[in-house]
């Protein structure tokens, strides 16, 4: 994500240096504010802006109706499913959340932990078919 933003900034700077018109006009006035700030020597503070939602950490509790892919095992791999409900198991600080998933392949419902025992994620947002 940060590399994409840097590449965009460098492309705009190269176009300006070459005197090429920009999509919004020609010269520095046609560039985004961040580019103009760098070109004018003003103070520029980079910020990390999530692109396509992949930079934000996923919630620990998914809402009912959320679509996801769940890692079942090496044989079955990623399985498309829908969150049907959430269950709290235990009490206090030791409470865990188990999600009931309805799997697309056969319609079965399973109570599943969304993390492996080592803390790794066992799910990902549903990937669109390519």
Foldseek 3Di string as FASTA:
>chain_A
DVVVVVVVLVVVVVCLVVQHADPQGTHLVSDDPQSNCVVVVHDHDDDDDDDPPPVDDDDQDDDFQAWKWFQDDPVVGTFIWTFHDWDWDDDDPPIHIWTWIQTPVPRDTDTHRQADPVGHGRMDHDDDDD
